[in-house]
């Protein structure tokens, strides 16, 4: 698995299937992916997919407030997480209780994603 990271903004791109690999828990990954809902009310400017260069959709993750929006490629190429969003999702869904994923990301990128 190769996780792409923007050194300018701290965002993370996960290719299709990498979120499931990162979680390592198929059932929980499925529950998380099932919680994604298309947001039609967002005023955030849509990002372009780094693979197909088409505008991505804003996706609401879960039902917690404040609302967490991520970007999803319309073709299914992958997901974009602004800095801290990936860890925020894991925290909200209690998917990283032993902080293994947070430690992995810190090792990969040399810092904590929450900073």
N, C-alpha and C. Protein backbone atom coordinates (compact mmCIF):
# COMPACT_ATOMS: atom_id res chain seq x y z
N UNK A 1 0.85 -1.17 0.00
CA UNK A 1 0.00 0.00 0.00
C UNK A 1 0.90 1.23 0.00
N UNK A 2 0.55 2.18 -0.87
CA UNK A 2 1.28 3.44 -0.94
C UNK A 2 0.31 4.57 -0.66
N UNK A 3 0.51 5.25 0.47
CA UNK A 3 -0.36 6.36 0.84
C UNK A 3 0.29 7.64 0.36
N UNK A 4 -0.47 8.44 -0.38
CA UNK A 4 0.05 9.70 -0.92
C UNK A 4 -0.28 10.83 0.05
N UNK A 5 0.70 11.71 0.24
CA UNK A 5 0.61 12.77 1.23
C UNK A 5 1.09 14.08 0.61
N UNK A 6 0.32 15.15 0.79
CA UNK A 6 0.72 16.46 0.30
C UNK A 6 1.53 17.16 1.39
N UNK A 7 2.77 17.47 1.07
CA UNK A 7 3.63 18.13 2.07
C UNK A 7 3.24 19.59 2.27
N UNK A 8 2.52 20.18 1.32
CA UNK A 8 2.09 21.57 1.47
C UNK A 8 0.92 21.72 2.43
N UNK A 9 -0.13 20.91 2.23
CA UNK A 9 -1.35 21.08 3.03
C UNK A 9 -1.56 19.99 4.08
N UNK A 10 -0.80 18.89 4.00
CA UNK A 10 -0.96 17.80 4.96
C UNK A 10 -2.07 16.84 4.63
N UNK A 11 -2.70 17.00 3.46
CA UNK A 11 -3.78 16.11 3.05
C UNK A 11 -3.26 14.73 2.68
N UNK A 12 -4.17 13.77 2.65
CA UNK A 12 -3.82 12.38 2.33
C UNK A 12 -4.77 11.87 1.25
N UNK A 13 -4.19 11.23 0.23
CA UNK A 13 -4.96 10.57 -0.83
C UNK A 13 -4.84 9.07 -0.64
N UNK A 14 -5.99 8.40 -0.59
CA UNK A 14 -6.02 6.94 -0.54
C UNK A 14 -6.66 6.44 -1.83
N UNK A 15 -5.91 5.62 -2.58
CA UNK A 15 -6.48 4.99 -3.77
C UNK A 15 -7.60 4.05 -3.35
N UNK A 16 -8.46 3.71 -4.30
CA UNK A 16 -9.56 2.78 -4.04
C UNK A 16 -9.02 1.52 -3.37
N UNK A 17 -9.65 1.12 -2.27
CA UNK A 17 -9.27 -0.09 -1.55
C UNK A 17 -8.23 0.12 -0.46
N UNK A 18 -7.54 1.26 -0.47
CA UNK A 18 -6.49 1.47 0.54
C UNK A 18 -7.05 1.76 1.92
N UNK A 19 -8.22 2.37 2.01
CA UNK A 19 -8.82 2.62 3.32
C UNK A 19 -9.09 1.29 4.02
N UNK A 20 -9.62 0.33 3.26
CA UNK A 20 -9.90 -0.98 3.83
C UNK A 20 -8.60 -1.67 4.27
N UNK A 21 -7.55 -1.55 3.47
CA UNK A 21 -6.26 -2.14 3.84
C UNK A 21 -5.68 -1.47 5.08
N UNK A 22 -5.80 -0.16 5.15
CA UNK A 22 -5.28 0.59 6.30
C UNK A 22 -5.99 0.18 7.58
N UNK A 23 -7.29 0.00 7.50
CA UNK A 23 -8.06 -0.40 8.68
C UNK A 23 -7.76 -1.83 9.09
N UNK A 24 -7.58 -2.71 8.11
CA UNK A 24 -7.28 -4.10 8.42
C UNK A 24 -8.43 -4.83 9.09
N UNK A 25 -9.61 -4.23 9.09
CA UNK A 25 -10.80 -4.82 9.71
C UNK A 25 -11.95 -4.72 8.71
N UNK A 26 -12.14 -5.72 7.87
CA UNK A 26 -13.14 -5.64 6.80
C UNK A 26 -14.55 -5.25 7.26
N UNK A 27 -15.00 -5.78 8.38
CA UNK A 27 -16.35 -5.46 8.85
C UNK A 27 -16.48 -3.99 9.20
N UNK A 28 -15.50 -3.47 9.96
CA UNK A 28 -15.55 -2.06 10.35
C UNK A 28 -15.35 -1.15 9.15
N UNK A 29 -14.51 -1.56 8.22
CA UNK A 29 -14.30 -0.77 7.01
C UNK A 29 -15.60 -0.69 6.22
N UNK A 30 -16.31 -1.80 6.13
CA UNK A 30 -17.59 -1.83 5.43
C UNK A 30 -18.62 -0.92 6.08
N UNK A 31 -18.66 -0.93 7.41
CA UNK A 31 -19.58 -0.06 8.14
C UNK A 31 -19.25 1.40 7.89
N UNK A 32 -17.95 1.72 7.90
CA UNK A 32 -17.53 3.10 7.67
C UNK A 32 -17.92 3.54 6.26
N UNK A 33 -17.61 2.72 5.27
CA UNK A 33 -17.93 3.07 3.88
C UNK A 33 -19.44 3.18 3.67
N UNK A 34 -20.21 2.36 4.37
CA UNK A 34 -21.67 2.43 4.26
C UNK A 34 -22.23 3.72 4.86
N UNK A 35 -21.46 4.35 5.75
CA UNK A 35 -21.92 5.59 6.39
C UNK A 35 -21.72 6.81 5.50
N UNK A 36 -21.00 6.66 4.38
CA UNK A 36 -20.75 7.79 3.48
C UNK A 36 -22.04 8.19 2.77
N UNK A 37 -22.34 9.49 2.79
CA UNK A 37 -23.52 10.02 2.10
C UNK A 37 -23.09 11.23 1.28
N UNK A 38 -23.60 11.32 0.06
CA UNK A 38 -23.28 12.46 -0.80
C UNK A 38 -23.86 13.73 -0.20
N UNK A 39 -23.05 14.79 -0.13
CA UNK A 39 -23.50 16.07 0.39
C UNK A 39 -23.80 16.99 -0.78
N UNK A 40 -25.01 17.49 -0.85
CA UNK A 40 -25.38 18.39 -1.94
C UNK A 40 -25.46 19.84 -1.48
N UNK A 41 -25.25 20.09 -0.19
CA UNK A 41 -25.40 21.44 0.34
C UNK A 41 -24.07 22.12 0.65
N UNK A 42 -22.97 21.43 0.47
CA UNK A 42 -21.67 21.99 0.84
C UNK A 42 -21.32 23.20 -0.02
N UNK A 43 -20.72 24.19 0.63
CA UNK A 43 -20.23 25.36 -0.10
C UNK A 43 -18.72 25.26 -0.33
N UNK A 44 -18.11 24.17 0.14
CA UNK A 44 -16.68 23.96 -0.10
C UNK A 44 -16.44 23.75 -1.58
N UNK A 45 -15.36 24.34 -2.06
CA UNK A 45 -15.00 24.18 -3.47
C UNK A 45 -14.58 22.72 -3.71
N UNK A 46 -15.13 22.10 -4.77
CA UNK A 46 -14.75 20.71 -5.04
C UNK A 46 -13.30 20.59 -5.49
N UNK A 47 -12.64 19.56 -5.03
CA UNK A 47 -11.27 19.26 -5.47
C UNK A 47 -11.34 18.44 -6.74
N UNK A 48 -10.21 18.41 -7.43
CA UNK A 48 -10.10 17.53 -8.60
C UNK A 48 -9.35 16.28 -8.20
N UNK A 49 -9.81 15.16 -8.70
CA UNK A 49 -9.16 13.89 -8.43
C UNK A 49 -7.76 13.90 -9.03
N UNK A 50 -6.76 13.48 -8.26
CA UNK A 50 -5.39 13.45 -8.80
C UNK A 50 -5.16 12.34 -9.82
N UNK A 51 -6.13 11.44 -9.99
CA UNK A 51 -6.00 10.36 -10.96
C UNK A 51 -6.68 10.73 -12.28
N UNK A 52 -7.99 11.06 -12.22
CA UNK A 52 -8.75 11.32 -13.45
C UNK A 52 -8.96 12.81 -13.72
N UNK A 53 -8.62 13.66 -12.75
CA UNK A 53 -8.71 15.13 -12.87
C UNK A 53 -10.14 15.66 -12.98
N UNK A 54 -11.12 14.85 -12.65
CA UNK A 54 -12.50 15.32 -12.65
C UNK A 54 -12.85 15.80 -11.24
N UNK A 55 -13.86 16.68 -11.15
CA UNK A 55 -14.28 17.18 -9.84
C UNK A 55 -14.80 16.02 -8.99
N UNK A 56 -14.38 16.02 -7.73
CA UNK A 56 -14.82 14.98 -6.81
C UNK A 56 -16.10 15.42 -6.10
N UNK A 57 -16.78 14.46 -5.49
CA UNK A 57 -17.97 14.74 -4.70
C UNK A 57 -17.59 14.96 -3.25
N UNK A 58 -18.34 15.83 -2.59
CA UNK A 58 -18.23 15.98 -1.14
C UNK A 58 -19.07 14.89 -0.50
N UNK A 59 -18.47 14.20 0.46
CA UNK A 59 -19.13 13.09 1.12
C UNK A 59 -19.20 13.37 2.62
N UNK A 60 -20.37 13.17 3.20
CA UNK A 60 -20.54 13.28 4.65
C UNK A 60 -20.19 11.92 5.24
N UNK A 61 -19.35 11.94 6.26
CA UNK A 61 -18.94 10.70 6.91
C UNK A 61 -19.66 10.59 8.25
N UNK A 62 -20.44 9.54 8.41
CA UNK A 62 -21.13 9.29 9.67
C UNK A 62 -22.24 10.28 9.95
N UNK A 63 -22.64 10.33 11.21
CA UNK A 63 -23.75 11.20 11.62
C UNK A 63 -23.35 12.15 12.73
N UNK A 64 -22.08 12.16 13.11
CA UNK A 64 -21.61 13.01 14.20
C UNK A 64 -21.62 14.48 13.79
N UNK A 65 -21.69 15.33 14.81
CA UNK A 65 -21.51 16.76 14.56
C UNK A 65 -20.27 17.19 15.32
N UNK A 66 -19.51 18.13 14.79
CA UNK A 66 -19.75 18.79 13.52
C UNK A 66 -19.60 17.81 12.36
N UNK A 67 -20.27 18.13 11.26
CA UNK A 67 -20.24 17.28 10.07
C UNK A 67 -18.82 17.19 9.53
N UNK A 68 -18.44 16.01 9.15
CA UNK A 68 -17.12 15.79 8.55
C UNK A 68 -17.31 15.49 7.08
N UNK A 69 -16.70 16.33 6.23
CA UNK A 69 -16.78 16.16 4.78
C UNK A 69 -15.43 15.72 4.24
N UNK A 70 -15.46 14.72 3.38
CA UNK A 70 -14.25 14.33 2.66
C UNK A 70 -14.58 14.39 1.16
N UNK A 71 -13.58 14.19 0.34
CA UNK A 71 -13.77 14.23 -1.11
C UNK A 71 -13.61 12.83 -1.68
N UNK A 72 -14.55 12.44 -2.54
CA UNK A 72 -14.54 11.10 -3.14
C UNK A 72 -14.60 11.24 -4.66
N UNK A 73 -13.72 10.52 -5.33
CA UNK A 73 -13.71 10.53 -6.79
C UNK A 73 -15.02 9.94 -7.32
N UNK A 74 -15.60 10.61 -8.29
CA UNK A 74 -16.86 10.13 -8.89
C UNK A 74 -16.68 8.81 -9.62
N UNK A 75 -15.46 8.57 -10.14
CA UNK A 75 -15.18 7.32 -10.85
C UNK A 75 -14.81 6.19 -9.91
N UNK A 76 -14.55 6.55 -8.64
CA UNK A 76 -14.17 5.54 -7.66
C UNK A 76 -12.67 5.33 -7.55
N UNK A 77 -11.88 6.32 -8.03
CA UNK A 77 -10.42 6.18 -7.97
C UNK A 77 -9.86 6.28 -6.56
N UNK A 78 -10.55 6.98 -5.65
CA UNK A 78 -10.05 7.08 -4.29
C UNK A 78 -10.71 8.17 -3.48
N UNK A 79 -10.09 8.46 -2.32
CA UNK A 79 -10.61 9.42 -1.35
C UNK A 79 -9.53 10.42 -0.97
N UNK A 80 -9.93 11.68 -0.79
CA UNK A 80 -9.02 12.73 -0.33
C UNK A 80 -9.45 13.15 1.07
N UNK A 81 -8.48 13.19 1.99
CA UNK A 81 -8.70 13.63 3.36
C UNK A 81 -7.86 14.87 3.62
N UNK A 82 -8.50 15.98 4.00
CA UNK A 82 -7.73 17.14 4.42
C UNK A 82 -6.97 16.77 5.68
N UNK A 83 -5.99 17.58 6.03
CA UNK A 83 -5.15 17.29 7.20
C UNK A 83 -6.02 17.03 8.44
N UNK A 84 -5.77 15.91 9.08
CA UNK A 84 -6.46 15.56 10.31
C UNK A 84 -7.78 14.82 10.13
N UNK A 85 -8.35 14.86 8.92
CA UNK A 85 -9.67 14.23 8.72
C UNK A 85 -9.63 12.71 8.84
N UNK A 86 -8.58 12.10 8.33
CA UNK A 86 -8.49 10.64 8.40
C UNK A 86 -8.46 10.18 9.85
N UNK A 87 -7.63 10.81 10.67
CA UNK A 87 -7.57 10.44 12.08
C UNK A 87 -8.87 10.78 12.79
N UNK A 88 -9.50 11.89 12.39
CA UNK A 88 -10.78 12.27 12.97
C UNK A 88 -11.84 11.19 12.72
N UNK A 89 -11.84 10.65 11.51
CA UNK A 89 -12.78 9.58 11.18
C UNK A 89 -12.51 8.36 12.05
N UNK A 90 -11.24 7.99 12.19
CA UNK A 90 -10.91 6.82 13.00
C UNK A 90 -11.30 7.04 14.46
N UNK A 91 -11.11 8.26 14.96
CA UNK A 91 -11.47 8.57 16.34
C UNK A 91 -12.98 8.49 16.54
N UNK A 92 -13.73 9.11 15.64
CA UNK A 92 -15.20 9.13 15.76
C UNK A 92 -15.79 7.72 15.69
N UNK A 93 -15.24 6.91 14.82
CA UNK A 93 -15.77 5.55 14.63
C UNK A 93 -15.09 4.54 15.54
N UNK A 94 -14.19 5.01 16.39
CA UNK A 94 -13.44 4.16 17.31
C UNK A 94 -12.76 3.01 16.57
N UNK A 95 -12.09 3.37 15.48
CA UNK A 95 -11.42 2.38 14.64
C UNK A 95 -9.93 2.27 14.93
N UNK A 96 -9.42 3.14 15.81
CA UNK A 96 -7.98 3.15 16.09
C UNK A 96 -7.75 3.27 17.59
N UNK A 97 -8.42 2.43 18.35
CA UNK A 97 -8.38 2.53 19.80
C UNK A 97 -6.99 2.35 20.38
N UNK A 98 -6.15 1.56 19.73
CA UNK A 98 -4.79 1.36 20.23
C UNK A 98 -3.77 2.27 19.51
N UNK A 99 -4.26 3.21 18.71
CA UNK A 99 -3.44 4.22 18.02
C UNK A 99 -2.44 3.64 17.03
N UNK A 100 -2.66 2.43 16.54
CA UNK A 100 -1.74 1.84 15.57
C UNK A 100 -1.71 2.65 14.27
N UNK A 101 -2.89 3.06 13.80
CA UNK A 101 -2.96 3.81 12.54
C UNK A 101 -2.32 5.17 12.70
N UNK A 102 -2.59 5.84 13.82
CA UNK A 102 -1.98 7.14 14.08
C UNK A 102 -0.47 7.02 14.11
N UNK A 103 0.05 5.98 14.74
CA UNK A 103 1.50 5.77 14.80
C UNK A 103 2.06 5.49 13.41
N UNK A 104 1.34 4.69 12.62
CA UNK A 104 1.78 4.39 11.25
C UNK A 104 1.87 5.67 10.42
N UNK A 105 0.83 6.51 10.49
CA UNK A 105 0.85 7.76 9.72
C UNK A 105 1.95 8.69 10.21
N UNK A 106 2.17 8.74 11.51
CA UNK A 106 3.25 9.57 12.05
C UNK A 106 4.61 9.07 11.57
N UNK A 107 4.79 7.75 11.53
CA UNK A 107 6.05 7.18 11.02
C UNK A 107 6.23 7.49 9.54
N UNK A 108 5.14 7.40 8.77
CA UNK A 108 5.21 7.64 7.33
C UNK A 108 5.51 9.10 7.00
N UNK A 109 4.86 10.01 7.72
CA UNK A 109 4.93 11.42 7.34
C UNK A 109 5.72 12.27 8.32
N UNK A 110 6.22 11.67 9.39
CA UNK A 110 7.08 12.38 10.31
C UNK A 110 6.38 13.34 11.25
N UNK A 111 5.06 13.25 11.35
CA UNK A 111 4.33 14.11 12.29
C UNK A 111 2.96 13.52 12.55
N UNK A 112 2.31 14.06 13.55
CA UNK A 112 0.96 13.64 13.90
C UNK A 112 -0.02 14.35 12.98
N UNK A 113 -0.96 13.64 12.41
CA UNK A 113 -1.94 14.23 11.49
C UNK A 113 -2.86 15.22 12.18
N UNK A 114 -2.95 15.17 13.49
CA UNK A 114 -3.84 16.09 14.20
C UNK A 114 -3.20 17.46 14.40
N UNK A 115 -1.89 17.54 14.30
CA UNK A 115 -1.20 18.82 14.53
C UNK A 115 -1.53 19.84 13.48
